[in-house]
PDB file of N, CA and C in Angstrom:
ATOM      1  N   MET A   1      -8.858  15.869  -5.005  1.00  0.00           N
ATOM      2  CA  MET A   1      -8.398  15.422  -3.696  1.00  0.00           C
ATOM      3  C   MET A   1      -7.630  16.571  -3.059  1.00  0.00           C
ATOM      4  N   LEU A   2      -8.085  17.022  -1.948  1.00  0.00           N
ATOM      5  CA  LEU A   2      -7.416  18.095  -1.214  1.00  0.00           C
ATOM      6  C   LEU A   2      -6.292  17.531  -0.367  1.00  0.00           C
ATOM      7  N   ASP A   3      -5.240  18.298  -0.190  1.00  0.00           N
ATOM      8  CA  ASP A   3      -4.162  17.880   0.699  1.00  0.00           C
ATOM      9  C   ASP A   3      -4.694  17.814   2.122  1.00  0.00           C
ATOM     10  N   MET A   4      -4.226  16.851   2.849  1.00  0.00           N
ATOM     11  CA  MET A   4      -4.594  16.746   4.250  1.00  0.00           C
ATOM     12  C   MET A   4      -3.611  17.572   5.059  1.00  0.00           C
ATOM     13  N   GLU A   5      -3.934  17.802   6.292  1.00  0.00           N
ATOM     14  CA  GLU A   5      -3.104  18.651   7.130  1.00  0.00           C
ATOM     15  C   GLU A   5      -1.706  18.087   7.348  1.00  0.00           C
ATOM     16  N   PHE A   6      -1.580  16.764   7.445  1.00  0.00           N
ATOM     17  CA  PHE A   6      -0.311  16.179   7.863  1.00  0.00           C
ATOM     18  C   PHE A   6       0.465  15.467   6.760  1.00  0.00           C
ATOM     19  N   VAL A   7      -0.125  15.260   5.608  1.00  0.00           N
ATOM     20  CA  VAL A   7       0.561  14.658   4.467  1.00  0.00           C
ATOM     21  C   VAL A   7       0.116  15.379   3.203  1.00  0.00           C
ATOM     22  N   LYS A   8       0.893  15.259   2.123  1.00  0.00           N
ATOM     23  CA  LYS A   8       0.606  15.993   0.900  1.00  0.00           C
ATOM     24  C   LYS A   8       0.270  15.025  -0.234  1.00  0.00           C
ATOM     25  N   HIS A   9      -0.897  15.208  -0.855  1.00  0.00           N
ATOM     26  CA  HIS A   9      -1.311  14.399  -2.001  1.00  0.00           C
ATOM     27  C   HIS A   9      -0.534  14.866  -3.223  1.00  0.00           C
ATOM     28  N   ILE A  10       0.105  13.918  -3.942  1.00  0.00           N
ATOM     29  CA  ILE A  10       0.865  14.313  -5.129  1.00  0.00           C
ATOM     30  C   ILE A  10       0.306  13.733  -6.421  1.00  0.00           C
ATOM     31  N   GLU A  11      -0.349  12.580  -6.355  1.00  0.00           N
ATOM     32  CA  GLU A  11      -0.867  11.949  -7.563  1.00  0.00           C
ATOM     33  C   GLU A  11      -1.740  10.768  -7.173  1.00  0.00           C
ATOM     34  N   ASP A  12      -2.302  10.135  -8.184  1.00  0.00           N
ATOM     35  CA  ASP A  12      -2.982   8.867  -7.996  1.00  0.00           C
ATOM     36  C   ASP A  12      -2.189   7.822  -8.774  1.00  0.00           C
ATOM     37  N   THR A  13      -2.288   6.574  -8.341  1.00  0.00           N
ATOM     38  CA  THR A  13      -1.555   5.502  -8.995  1.00  0.00           C
ATOM     39  C   THR A  13      -2.345   4.209  -8.900  1.00  0.00           C
ATOM     40  N   GLU A  14      -1.961   3.238  -9.691  1.00  0.00           N
ATOM     41  CA  GLU A  14      -2.560   1.908  -9.616  1.00  0.00           C
ATOM     42  C   GLU A  14      -1.757   1.081  -8.622  1.00  0.00           C
ATOM     43  N   ILE A  15      -2.474   0.362  -7.774  1.00  0.00           N
ATOM     44  CA  ILE A  15      -1.839  -0.425  -6.723  1.00  0.00           C
ATOM     45  C   ILE A  15      -2.312  -1.873  -6.772  1.00  0.00           C
ATOM     46  N   LEU A  16      -1.558  -2.718  -6.097  1.00  0.00           N
ATOM     47  CA  LEU A  16      -1.989  -4.071  -5.796  1.00  0.00           C
ATOM     48  C   LEU A  16      -2.439  -4.078  -4.345  1.00  0.00           C
ATOM     49  N   ILE A  17      -3.651  -4.564  -4.111  1.00  0.00           N
ATOM     50  CA  ILE A  17      -4.151  -4.759  -2.758  1.00  0.00           C
ATOM     51  C   ILE A  17      -4.022  -6.247  -2.474  1.00  0.00           C
ATOM     52  N   VAL A  18      -3.395  -6.599  -1.377  1.00  0.00           N
ATOM     53  CA  VAL A  18      -3.335  -8.008  -0.986  1.00  0.00           C
ATOM     54  C   VAL A  18      -4.350  -8.234   0.119  1.00  0.00           C
ATOM     55  N   TYR A  19      -5.245  -9.196  -0.113  1.00  0.00           N
ATOM     56  CA  TYR A  19      -6.304  -9.511   0.852  1.00  0.00           C
ATOM     57  C   TYR A  19      -5.855 -10.521   1.899  1.00  0.00           C
ATOM     58  N   ASN A  20      -4.974 -11.418   1.497  1.00  0.00           N
ATOM     59  CA  ASN A  20      -4.540 -12.497   2.391  1.00  0.00           C
ATOM     60  C   ASN A  20      -3.027 -12.615   2.326  1.00  0.00           C
ATOM     61  N   MET A  21      -2.333 -11.872   3.175  1.00  0.00           N
ATOM     62  CA  MET A  21      -0.870 -11.853   3.130  1.00  0.00           C
ATOM     63  C   MET A  21      -0.286 -13.211   3.507  1.00  0.00           C
ATOM     64  N   THR A  22      -0.916 -13.939   4.401  1.00  0.00           N
ATOM     65  CA  THR A  22      -0.393 -15.241   4.820  1.00  0.00           C
ATOM     66  C   THR A  22      -0.219 -16.170   3.625  1.00  0.00           C
ATOM     67  N   GLU A  23      -1.202 -16.198   2.743  1.00  0.00           N
ATOM     68  CA  GLU A  23      -1.120 -17.060   1.563  1.00  0.00           C
ATOM     69  C   GLU A  23      -0.319 -16.430   0.432  1.00  0.00           C
ATOM     70  N   ALA A  24      -0.299 -15.116   0.346  1.00  0.00           N
ATOM     71  CA  ALA A  24       0.368 -14.433  -0.759  1.00  0.00           C
ATOM     72  C   ALA A  24       1.879 -14.309  -0.564  1.00  0.00           C
ATOM     73  N   ILE A  25       2.361 -14.489   0.643  1.00  0.00           N
ATOM     74  CA  ILE A  25       3.773 -14.239   0.939  1.00  0.00           C
ATOM     75  C   ILE A  25       4.715 -15.099   0.101  1.00  0.00           C
ATOM     76  N   GLU A  26       4.335 -16.330  -0.175  1.00  0.00           N
ATOM     77  CA  GLU A  26       5.184 -17.209  -0.988  1.00  0.00           C
ATOM     78  C   GLU A  26       5.297 -16.689  -2.420  1.00  0.00           C
ATOM     79  N   ILE A  27       4.194 -16.242  -2.986  1.00  0.00           N
ATOM     80  CA  ILE A  27       4.201 -15.688  -4.346  1.00  0.00           C
ATOM     81  C   ILE A  27       5.025 -14.412  -4.379  1.00  0.00           C
ATOM     82  N   LEU A  28       4.803 -13.534  -3.420  1.00  0.00           N
ATOM     83  CA  LEU A  28       5.535 -12.267  -3.373  1.00  0.00           C
ATOM     84  C   LEU A  28       7.032 -12.499  -3.194  1.00  0.00           C
ATOM     85  N   GLY A  29       7.417 -13.469  -2.390  1.00  0.00           N
ATOM     86  CA  GLY A  29       8.823 -13.757  -2.146  1.00  0.00           C
ATOM     87  C   GLY A  29       9.544 -14.325  -3.342  1.00  0.00           C
ATOM     88  N   ALA A  30       8.797 -14.814  -4.333  1.00  0.00           N
ATOM     89  CA  ALA A  30       9.403 -15.381  -5.527  1.00  0.00           C
ATOM     90  C   ALA A  30       9.862 -14.305  -6.517  1.00  0.00           C
ATOM     91  N   ASP A  31       9.491 -13.063  -6.294  1.00  0.00           N
ATOM     92  CA  ASP A  31       9.906 -11.967  -7.175  1.00  0.00           C
ATOM     93  C   ASP A  31      11.363 -11.632  -6.877  1.00  0.00           C
ATOM     94  N   GLN A  32      12.262 -12.065  -7.749  1.00  0.00           N
ATOM     95  CA  GLN A  32      13.698 -11.906  -7.485  1.00  0.00           C
ATOM     96  C   GLN A  32      14.142 -10.453  -7.391  1.00  0.00           C
ATOM     97  N   TYR A  33      13.411  -9.536  -8.012  1.00  0.00           N
ATOM     98  CA  TYR A  33      13.806  -8.128  -7.997  1.00  0.00           C
ATOM     99  C   TYR A  33      13.235  -7.364  -6.806  1.00  0.00           C
ATOM    100  N   ASN A  34      12.141  -7.853  -6.248  1.00  0.00           N
ATOM    101  CA  ASN A  34      11.505  -7.172  -5.120  1.00  0.00           C
ATOM    102  C   ASN A  34      10.767  -8.212  -4.274  1.00  0.00           C
ATOM    103  N   PRO A  35      11.514  -9.072  -3.563  1.00  0.00           N
ATOM    104  CA  PRO A  35      10.879 -10.169  -2.830  1.00  0.00           C
ATOM    105  C   PRO A  35      10.098  -9.747  -1.589  1.00  0.00           C
ATOM    106  N   HIS A  36      10.270  -8.527  -1.133  1.00  0.00           N
ATOM    107  CA  HIS A  36       9.567  -8.052   0.061  1.00  0.00           C
ATOM    108  C   HIS A  36       8.942  -6.678  -0.217  1.00  0.00           C
ATOM    109  N   PRO A  37       7.973  -6.609  -1.143  1.00  0.00           N
ATOM    110  CA  PRO A  37       7.443  -5.295  -1.541  1.00  0.00           C
ATOM    111  C   PRO A  37       6.677  -4.577  -0.437  1.00  0.00           C
ATOM    112  N   PHE A  38       6.181  -5.295   0.550  1.00  0.00           N
ATOM    113  CA  PHE A  38       5.401  -4.675   1.614  1.00  0.00           C
ATOM    114  C   PHE A  38       6.236  -4.419   2.859  1.00  0.00           C
ATOM    115  N   ASP A  39       7.535  -4.581   2.776  1.00  0.00           N
ATOM    116  CA  ASP A  39       8.431  -4.388   3.902  1.00  0.00           C
ATOM    117  C   ASP A  39       8.640  -2.896   4.161  1.00  0.00           C
ATOM    118  N   ASP A  40       8.546  -2.504   5.414  1.00  0.00           N
ATOM    119  CA  ASP A  40       8.781  -1.108   5.799  1.00  0.00           C
ATOM    120  C   ASP A  40       9.986  -1.069   6.726  1.00  0.00           C
ATOM    121  N   ASN A  41      11.176  -1.207   6.109  1.00  0.00           N
ATOM    122  CA  ASN A  41      12.422  -1.197   6.864  1.00  0.00           C
ATOM    123  C   ASN A  41      12.447  -2.314   7.913  1.00  0.00           C
ATOM    124  N   GLY A  42      12.032  -3.504   7.480  1.00  0.00           N
ATOM    125  CA  GLY A  42      12.056  -4.662   8.359  1.00  0.00           C
ATOM    126  C   GLY A  42      10.781  -4.901   9.137  1.00  0.00           C
ATOM    127  N   ALA A  43       9.813  -4.031   9.004  1.00  0.00           N
ATOM    128  CA  ALA A  43       8.547  -4.168   9.725  1.00  0.00           C
ATOM    129  C   ALA A  43       7.398  -4.099   8.720  1.00  0.00           C
ATOM    130  N   PRO A  44       6.217  -4.533   9.127  1.00  0.00           N
ATOM    131  CA  PRO A  44       5.066  -4.378   8.213  1.00  0.00           C
ATOM    132  C   PRO A  44       4.693  -2.907   8.087  1.00  0.00           C
ATOM    133  N   PRO A  45       4.037  -2.530   6.988  1.00  0.00           N
ATOM    134  CA  PRO A  45       3.627  -1.132   6.829  1.00  0.00           C
ATOM    135  C   PRO A  45       2.572  -0.746   7.847  1.00  0.00           C
ATOM    136  N   ASP A  46       2.394   0.563   8.016  1.00  0.00           N
ATOM    137  CA  ASP A  46       1.362   1.087   8.909  1.00  0.00           C
ATOM    138  C   ASP A  46       0.003   0.973   8.229  1.00  0.00           C
ATOM    139  N   GLY A  47      -1.021   0.981   9.038  1.00  0.00           N
ATOM    140  CA  GLY A  47      -2.379   1.009   8.520  1.00  0.00           C
ATOM    141  C   GLY A  47      -3.005  -0.361   8.430  1.00  0.00           C
ATOM    142  N   PRO A  48      -4.290  -0.383   8.130  1.00  0.00           N
ATOM    143  CA  PRO A  48      -5.048  -1.625   8.120  1.00  0.00           C
ATOM    144  C   PRO A  48      -4.949  -2.416   6.824  1.00  0.00           C
ATOM    145  N   ALA A  49      -4.369  -1.849   5.762  1.00  0.00           N
ATOM    146  CA  ALA A  49      -4.363  -2.503   4.457  1.00  0.00           C
ATOM    147  C   ALA A  49      -2.942  -2.815   3.991  1.00  0.00           C
ATOM    148  N   TRP A  50      -2.847  -3.633   2.939  1.00  0.00           N
ATOM    149  CA  TRP A  50      -1.570  -3.980   2.320  1.00  0.00           C
ATOM    150  C   TRP A  50      -1.611  -3.504   0.874  1.00  0.00           C
ATOM    151  N   TYR A  51      -0.987  -2.331   0.575  1.00  0.00           N
ATOM    152  CA  TYR A  51      -0.984  -1.756  -0.769  1.00  0.00           C
ATOM    153  C   TYR A  51       0.454  -1.577  -1.232  1.00  0.00           C
ATOM    154  N   ILE A  52       0.665  -1.795  -2.544  1.00  0.00           N
ATOM    155  CA  ILE A  52       1.955  -1.503  -3.161  1.00  0.00           C
ATOM    156  C   ILE A  52       1.701  -1.056  -4.608  1.00  0.00           C
ATOM    157  N   PRO A  53       2.402  -0.037  -5.104  1.00  0.00           N
ATOM    158  CA  PRO A  53       2.209   0.389  -6.489  1.00  0.00           C
ATOM    159  C   PRO A  53       2.534  -0.744  -7.461  1.00  0.00           C
ATOM    160  N   LEU A  54       1.732  -0.862  -8.513  1.00  0.00           N
ATOM    161  CA  LEU A  54       1.948  -1.927  -9.491  1.00  0.00           C
ATOM    162  C   LEU A  54       3.320  -1.835 -10.149  1.00  0.00           C
ATOM    163  N   GLY A  55       3.855  -0.630 -10.289  1.00  0.00           N
ATOM    164  CA  GLY A  55       5.165  -0.455 -10.903  1.00  0.00           C
ATOM    165  C   GLY A  55       6.309  -1.017 -10.075  1.00  0.00           C
ATOM    166  N   GLU A  56       6.048  -1.381  -8.827  1.00  0.00           N
ATOM    167  CA  GLU A  56       7.094  -1.902  -7.949  1.00  0.00           C
ATOM    168  C   GLU A  56       7.042  -3.423  -7.795  1.00  0.00           C
ATOM    169  N   ILE A  57       6.204  -4.072  -8.571  1.00  0.00           N
ATOM    170  CA  ILE A  57       6.046  -5.511  -8.451  1.00  0.00           C
ATOM    171  C   ILE A  57       5.866  -6.082  -9.857  1.00  0.00           C
ATOM    172  N   SER A  58       6.398  -7.261 -10.103  1.00  0.00           N
ATOM    173  CA  SER A  58       6.361  -7.817 -11.455  1.00  0.00           C
ATOM    174  C   SER A  58       4.934  -8.177 -11.868  1.00  0.00           C
ATOM    175  N   ASP A  59       4.681  -8.087 -13.169  1.00  0.00           N
ATOM    176  CA  ASP A  59       3.366  -8.443 -13.709  1.00  0.00           C
ATOM    177  C   ASP A  59       3.024  -9.900 -13.411  1.00  0.00           C
ATOM    178  N   GLU A  60       4.027 -10.777 -13.449  1.00  0.00           N
ATOM    179  CA  GLU A  60       3.792 -12.198 -13.188  1.00  0.00           C
ATOM    180  C   GLU A  60       3.293 -12.415 -11.754  1.00  0.00           C
ATOM    181  N   VAL A  61       3.880 -11.705 -10.818  1.00  0.00           N
ATOM    182  CA  VAL A  61       3.465 -11.830  -9.420  1.00  0.00           C
ATOM    183  C   VAL A  61       2.043 -11.306  -9.242  1.00  0.00           C
ATOM    184  N   VAL A  62       1.740 -10.158  -9.836  1.00  0.00           N
ATOM    185  CA  VAL A  62       0.392  -9.595  -9.754  1.00  0.00           C
ATOM    186  C   VAL A  62      -0.616 -10.577 -10.353  1.00  0.00           C
ATOM    187  N   ASP A  63      -0.287 -11.142 -11.512  1.00  0.00           N
ATOM    188  CA  ASP A  63      -1.186 -12.107 -12.154  1.00  0.00           C
ATOM    189  C   ASP A  63      -1.431 -13.323 -11.266  1.00  0.00           C
ATOM    190  N   GLN A  64      -0.390 -13.822 -10.611  1.00  0.00           N
ATOM    191  CA  GLN A  64      -0.549 -14.978  -9.723  1.00  0.00           C
ATOM    192  C   GLN A  64      -1.415 -14.638  -8.505  1.00  0.00           C
ATOM    193  N   ILE A  65      -1.200 -13.475  -7.936  1.00  0.00           N
ATOM    194  CA  ILE A  65      -2.005 -13.041  -6.781  1.00  0.00           C
ATOM    195  C   ILE A  65      -3.478 -12.956  -7.183  1.00  0.00           C
ATOM    196  N   GLU A  66      -3.736 -12.354  -8.339  1.00  0.00           N
ATOM    197  CA  GLU A  66      -5.119 -12.220  -8.801  1.00  0.00           C
ATOM    198  C   GLU A  66      -5.732 -13.574  -9.157  1.00  0.00           C
ATOM    199  N   ALA A  67      -4.976 -14.446  -9.815  1.00  0.00           N
ATOM    200  CA  ALA A  67      -5.499 -15.756 -10.208  1.00  0.00           C
ATOM    201  C   ALA A  67      -5.916 -16.585  -8.989  1.00  0.00           C
ATOM    202  N   ARG A  68      -5.208 -16.423  -7.908  1.00  0.00           N
ATOM    203  CA  ARG A  68      -5.543 -17.162  -6.671  1.00  0.00           C
ATOM    204  C   ARG A  68      -6.519 -16.389  -5.784  1.00  0.00           C
ATOM    205  N   GLN A  69      -6.990 -15.268  -6.270  1.00  0.00           N
ATOM    206  CA  GLN A  69      -7.936 -14.405  -5.563  1.00  0.00           C
ATOM    207  C   GLN A  69      -7.413 -13.980  -4.183  1.00  0.00           C
ATOM    208  N   LEU A  70      -6.109 -13.681  -4.147  1.00  0.00           N
ATOM    209  CA  LEU A  70      -5.471 -13.216  -2.918  1.00  0.00           C
ATOM    210  C   LEU A  70      -5.316 -11.701  -2.906  1.00  0.00           C
ATOM    211  N   GLY A  71      -5.686 -11.060  -4.013  1.00  0.00           N
ATOM    212  CA  GLY A  71      -5.567  -9.614  -4.119  1.00  0.00           C
ATOM    213  C   GLY A  71      -6.077  -9.134  -5.451  1.00  0.00           C
ATOM    214  N   GLY A  72      -6.004  -7.821  -5.647  1.00  0.00           N
ATOM    215  CA  GLY A  72      -6.473  -7.237  -6.898  1.00  0.00           C
ATOM    216  C   GLY A  72      -5.936  -5.842  -7.097  1.00  0.00           C
ATOM    217  N   ARG A  73      -6.175  -5.336  -8.290  1.00  0.00           N
ATOM    218  CA  ARG A  73      -5.722  -3.998  -8.667  1.00  0.00           C
ATOM    219  C   ARG A  73      -6.766  -2.958  -8.286  1.00  0.00           C
ATOM    220  N   ALA A  74      -6.300  -1.768  -7.986  1.00  0.00           N
ATOM    221  CA  ALA A  74      -7.199  -0.656  -7.658  1.00  0.00           C
ATOM    222  C   ALA A  74      -6.442   0.652  -7.861  1.00  0.00           C
ATOM    223  N   SER A  75      -7.158   1.741  -7.812  1.00  0.00           N
ATOM    224  CA  SER A  75      -6.563   3.067  -7.880  1.00  0.00           C
ATOM    225  C   SER A  75      -6.452   3.626  -6.462  1.00  0.00           C
ATOM    226  N   ALA A  76      -5.371   4.345  -6.195  1.00  0.00           N
ATOM    227  CA  ALA A  76      -5.167   4.912  -4.861  1.00  0.00           C
ATOM    228  C   ALA A  76      -4.513   6.280  -4.974  1.00  0.00           C
ATOM    229  N   HIS A  77      -4.732   7.089  -3.949  1.00  0.00           N
ATOM    230  CA  HIS A  77      -4.068   8.379  -3.818  1.00  0.00           C
ATOM    231  C   HIS A  77      -2.690   8.146  -3.207  1.00  0.00           C
ATOM    232  N   VAL A  78      -1.714   8.910  -3.668  1.00  0.00           N
ATOM    233  CA  VAL A  78      -0.353   8.833  -3.138  1.00  0.00           C
ATOM    234  C   VAL A  78      -0.102  10.085  -2.303  1.00  0.00           C
ATOM    235  N   PHE A  79       0.304   9.882  -1.052  1.00  0.00           N
ATOM    236  CA  PHE A  79       0.629  10.978  -0.147  1.00  0.00           C
ATOM    237  C   PHE A  79       2.099  10.898   0.239  1.00  0.00           C
ATOM    238  N   VAL A  80       2.785  12.029   0.196  1.00  0.00           N
ATOM    239  CA  VAL A  80       4.188  12.092   0.611  1.00  0.00           C
ATOM    240  C   VAL A  80       4.285  12.844   1.934  1.00  0.00           C
ATOM    241  N   ASP A  81       5.486  12.916   2.443  1.00  0.00           N
ATOM    242  CA  ASP A  81       5.760  13.506   3.752  1.00  0.00           C
ATOM    243  C   ASP A  81       5.102  12.694   4.858  1.00  0.00           C
ATOM    244  N   TYR A  82       5.008  11.381   4.616  1.00  0.00           N
ATOM    245  CA  TYR A  82       4.448  10.478   5.619  1.00  0.00           C
ATOM    246  C   TYR A  82       5.605   9.895   6.439  1.00  0.00           C
ATOM    247  N   TRP A  83       5.562  10.110   7.737  1.00  0.00           N
ATOM    248  CA  TRP A  83       6.627   9.616   8.615  1.00  0.00           C
ATOM    249  C   TRP A  83       6.095   8.657   9.675  1.00  0.00           C
ATOM    250  N   GLY A  84       4.802   8.370   9.625  1.00  0.00           N
ATOM    251  CA  GLY A  84       4.231   7.385  10.537  1.00  0.00           C
ATOM    252  C   GLY A  84       3.954   7.897  11.937  1.00  0.00           C
ATOM    253  N   ASP A  85       3.850   9.215  12.107  1.00  0.00           N
ATOM    254  CA  ASP A  85       3.560   9.698  13.461  1.00  0.00           C
ATOM    255  C   ASP A  85       2.060   9.544  13.758  1.00  0.00           C
ATOM    256  N   ASP A  86       1.705   9.658  15.015  1.00  0.00           N
ATOM    257  CA  ASP A  86       0.326   9.404  15.449  1.00  0.00           C
ATOM    258  C   ASP A  86      -0.678  10.345  14.791  1.00  0.00           C
ATOM    259  N   ASP A  87      -0.328  11.615  14.598  1.00  0.00           N
ATOM    260  CA  ASP A  87      -1.247  12.558  13.959  1.00  0.00           C
ATOM    261  C   ASP A  87      -1.557  12.137  12.521  1.00  0.00           C
ATOM    262  N   GLN A  88      -0.539  11.711  11.782  1.00  0.00           N
ATOM    263  CA  GLN A  88      -0.761  11.272  10.410  1.00  0.00           C
ATOM    264  C   GLN A  88      -1.640  10.021  10.370  1.00  0.00           C
ATOM    265  N   LYS A  89      -1.376   9.091  11.250  1.00  0.00           N
ATOM    266  CA  LYS A  89      -2.183   7.864  11.280  1.00  0.00           C
ATOM    267  C   LYS A  89      -3.633   8.167  11.617  1.00  0.00           C
ATOM    268  N   ARG A  90      -3.865   9.047  12.565  1.00  0.00           N
ATOM    269  CA  ARG A  90      -5.237   9.430  12.919  1.00  0.00           C
ATOM    270  C   ARG A  90      -5.948  10.082  11.739  1.00  0.00           C
ATOM    271  N   GLU A  91      -5.241  10.973  11.050  1.00  0.00           N
ATOM    272  CA  GLU A  91      -5.826  11.661   9.896  1.00  0.00           C
ATOM    273  C   GLU A  91      -6.185  10.665   8.792  1.00  0.00           C
ATOM    274  N   LEU A  92      -5.292   9.743   8.497  1.00  0.00           N
ATOM    275  CA  LEU A  92      -5.571   8.740   7.468  1.00  0.00           C
ATOM    276  C   LEU A  92      -6.713   7.821   7.904  1.00  0.00           C
ATOM    277  N   ASP A  93      -6.712   7.403   9.161  1.00  0.00           N
ATOM    278  CA  ASP A  93      -7.804   6.564   9.679  1.00  0.00           C
ATOM    279  C   ASP A  93      -9.146   7.281   9.567  1.00  0.00           C
ATOM    280  N   TYR A  94      -9.155   8.578   9.859  1.00  0.00           N
ATOM    281  CA  TYR A  94     -10.387   9.348   9.821  1.00  0.00           C
ATOM    282  C   TYR A  94     -10.916   9.492   8.387  1.00  0.00           C
ATOM    283  N   ARG A  95     -10.031   9.833   7.462  1.00  0.00           N
ATOM    284  CA  ARG A  95     -10.453  10.105   6.083  1.00  0.00           C
ATOM    285  C   ARG A  95     -10.608   8.856   5.223  1.00  0.00           C
ATOM    286  N   PHE A  96      -9.847   7.803   5.548  1.00  0.00           N
ATOM    287  CA  PHE A  96      -9.867   6.570   4.750  1.00  0.00           C
ATOM    288  C   PHE A  96      -9.956   5.350   5.662  1.00  0.00           C
ATOM    289  N   PRO A  97     -11.008   5.220   6.440  1.00  0.00           N
ATOM    290  CA  PRO A  97     -11.084   4.130   7.419  1.00  0.00           C
ATOM    291  C   PRO A  97     -10.966   2.751   6.750  1.00  0.00           C
ATOM    292  N   GLY A  98      -9.932   2.008   7.169  1.00  0.00           N
ATOM    293  CA  GLY A  98      -9.707   0.669   6.644  1.00  0.00           C
ATOM    294  C   GLY A  98      -9.113   0.618   5.258  1.00  0.00           C
ATOM    295  N   ARG A  99      -8.775   1.779   4.660  1.00  0.00           N
ATOM    296  CA  ARG A  99      -8.342   1.813   3.260  1.00  0.00           C
ATOM    297  C   ARG A  99      -7.056   2.610   3.057  1.00  0.00           C
ATOM    298  N   TRP A 100      -6.040   2.372   3.902  1.00  0.00           N
ATOM    299  CA  TRP A 100      -4.778   3.070   3.708  1.00  0.00           C
ATOM    300  C   TRP A 100      -3.620   2.184   4.167  1.00  0.00           C
ATOM    301  N   CYS A 101      -2.454   2.507   3.646  1.00  0.00           N
ATOM    302  CA  CYS A 101      -1.227   1.770   3.951  1.00  0.00           C
ATOM    303  C   CYS A 101      -0.076   2.767   3.890  1.00  0.00           C
ATOM    304  N   GLY A 102       0.742   2.829   4.937  1.00  0.00           N
ATOM    305  CA  GLY A 102       1.833   3.797   4.980  1.00  0.00           C
ATOM    306  C   GLY A 102       3.193   3.150   5.170  1.00  0.00           C
ATOM    307  N   TYR A 103       4.181   3.695   4.495  1.00  0.00           N
ATOM    308  CA  TYR A 103       5.565   3.230   4.578  1.00  0.00           C
ATOM    309  C   TYR A 103       6.429   4.386   5.072  1.00  0.00           C
ATOM    310  N   SER A 104       6.701   4.418   6.368  1.00  0.00           N
ATOM    311  CA  SER A 104       7.458   5.533   6.929  1.00  0.00           C
ATOM    312  C   SER A 104       8.890   5.566   6.404  1.00  0.00           C
ATOM    313  N   CYS A 105       9.483   4.416   6.122  1.00  0.00           N
ATOM    314  CA  CYS A 105      10.861   4.435   5.622  1.00  0.00           C
ATOM    315  C   CYS A 105      10.940   5.009   4.208  1.00  0.00           C
ATOM    316  N   ARG A 106       9.845   4.980   3.471  1.00  0.00           N
ATOM    317  CA  ARG A 106       9.784   5.550   2.119  1.00  0.00           C
ATOM    318  C   ARG A 106       9.196   6.953   2.116  1.00  0.00           C
ATOM    319  N   GLY A 107       8.555   7.343   3.231  1.00  0.00           N
ATOM    320  CA  GLY A 107       7.927   8.656   3.317  1.00  0.00           C
ATOM    321  C   GLY A 107       6.660   8.777   2.483  1.00  0.00           C
ATOM    322  N   VAL A 108       5.940   7.638   2.303  1.00  0.00           N
ATOM    323  CA  VAL A 108       4.765   7.639   1.441  1.00  0.00           C
ATOM    324  C   VAL A 108       3.638   6.809   2.055  1.00  0.00           C
ATOM    325  N   ALA A 109       2.411   7.237   1.747  1.00  0.00           N
ATOM    326  CA  ALA A 109       1.223   6.478   2.146  1.00  0.00           C
ATOM    327  C   ALA A 109       0.288   6.409   0.950  1.00  0.00           C
ATOM    328  N   TYR A 110      -0.471   5.329   0.871  1.00  0.00           N
ATOM    329  CA  TYR A 110      -1.447   5.117  -0.193  1.00  0.00           C
ATOM    330  C   TYR A 110      -2.817   4.984   0.457  1.00  0.00           C
ATOM    331  N   ALA A 111      -3.834   5.590  -0.160  1.00  0.00           N
ATOM    332  CA  ALA A 111      -5.187   5.528   0.402  1.00  0.00           C
ATOM    333  C   ALA A 111      -6.207   5.449  -0.730  1.00  0.00           C
ATOM    334  N   ARG A 112      -7.284   4.720  -0.462  1.00  0.00           N
ATOM    335  CA  ARG A 112      -8.353   4.563  -1.442  1.00  0.00           C
ATOM    336  C   ARG A 112      -9.644   5.179  -0.939  1.00  0.00           C
ATOM    337  N   ASP A 113     -10.391   5.750  -1.859  1.00  0.00           N
ATOM    338  CA  ASP A 113     -11.719   6.254  -1.547  1.00  0.00           C
ATOM    339  C   ASP A 113     -12.661   5.067  -1.359  1.00  0.00           C
ATOM    340  N   ALA A 114     -13.775   5.305  -0.663  1.00  0.00           N
ATOM    341  CA  ALA A 114     -14.784   4.257  -0.503  1.00  0.00           C
ATOM    342  C   ALA A 114     -15.376   3.921  -1.858  1.00  0.00           C
ATOM    343  N   GLU A 115     -15.697   2.670  -2.036  1.00  0.00           N
ATOM    344  CA  GLU A 115     -16.264   2.236  -3.334  1.00  0.00           C
ATOM    345  C   GLU A 115     -17.759   2.238  -3.280  1.00  0.00           C
TER     346      GLU A 115
END
């Protein structure tokens, strides 16, 4: 994976993809240690997808999301120096159409290759 012009690829990680946030929100909110894993400083994350690293969410919550078919595990690229500006969003949209999620308050974005 080559670094993109506006963000820097540092590693790959396993993520949880949520397909239906409306139904999954109750399960996610039950995680006492991280009840709002997709929160970006009070707002939803940037991009068309809902991704969060598996290490940031409890195994029980991931299992419940998967059992109800509201999401699943996948591998994703981790990009840093993400601040949510228009150039970065365009670059991610171009290279990973429909398959990225960015958290400007964390300075990170996650993106998946086409399957």
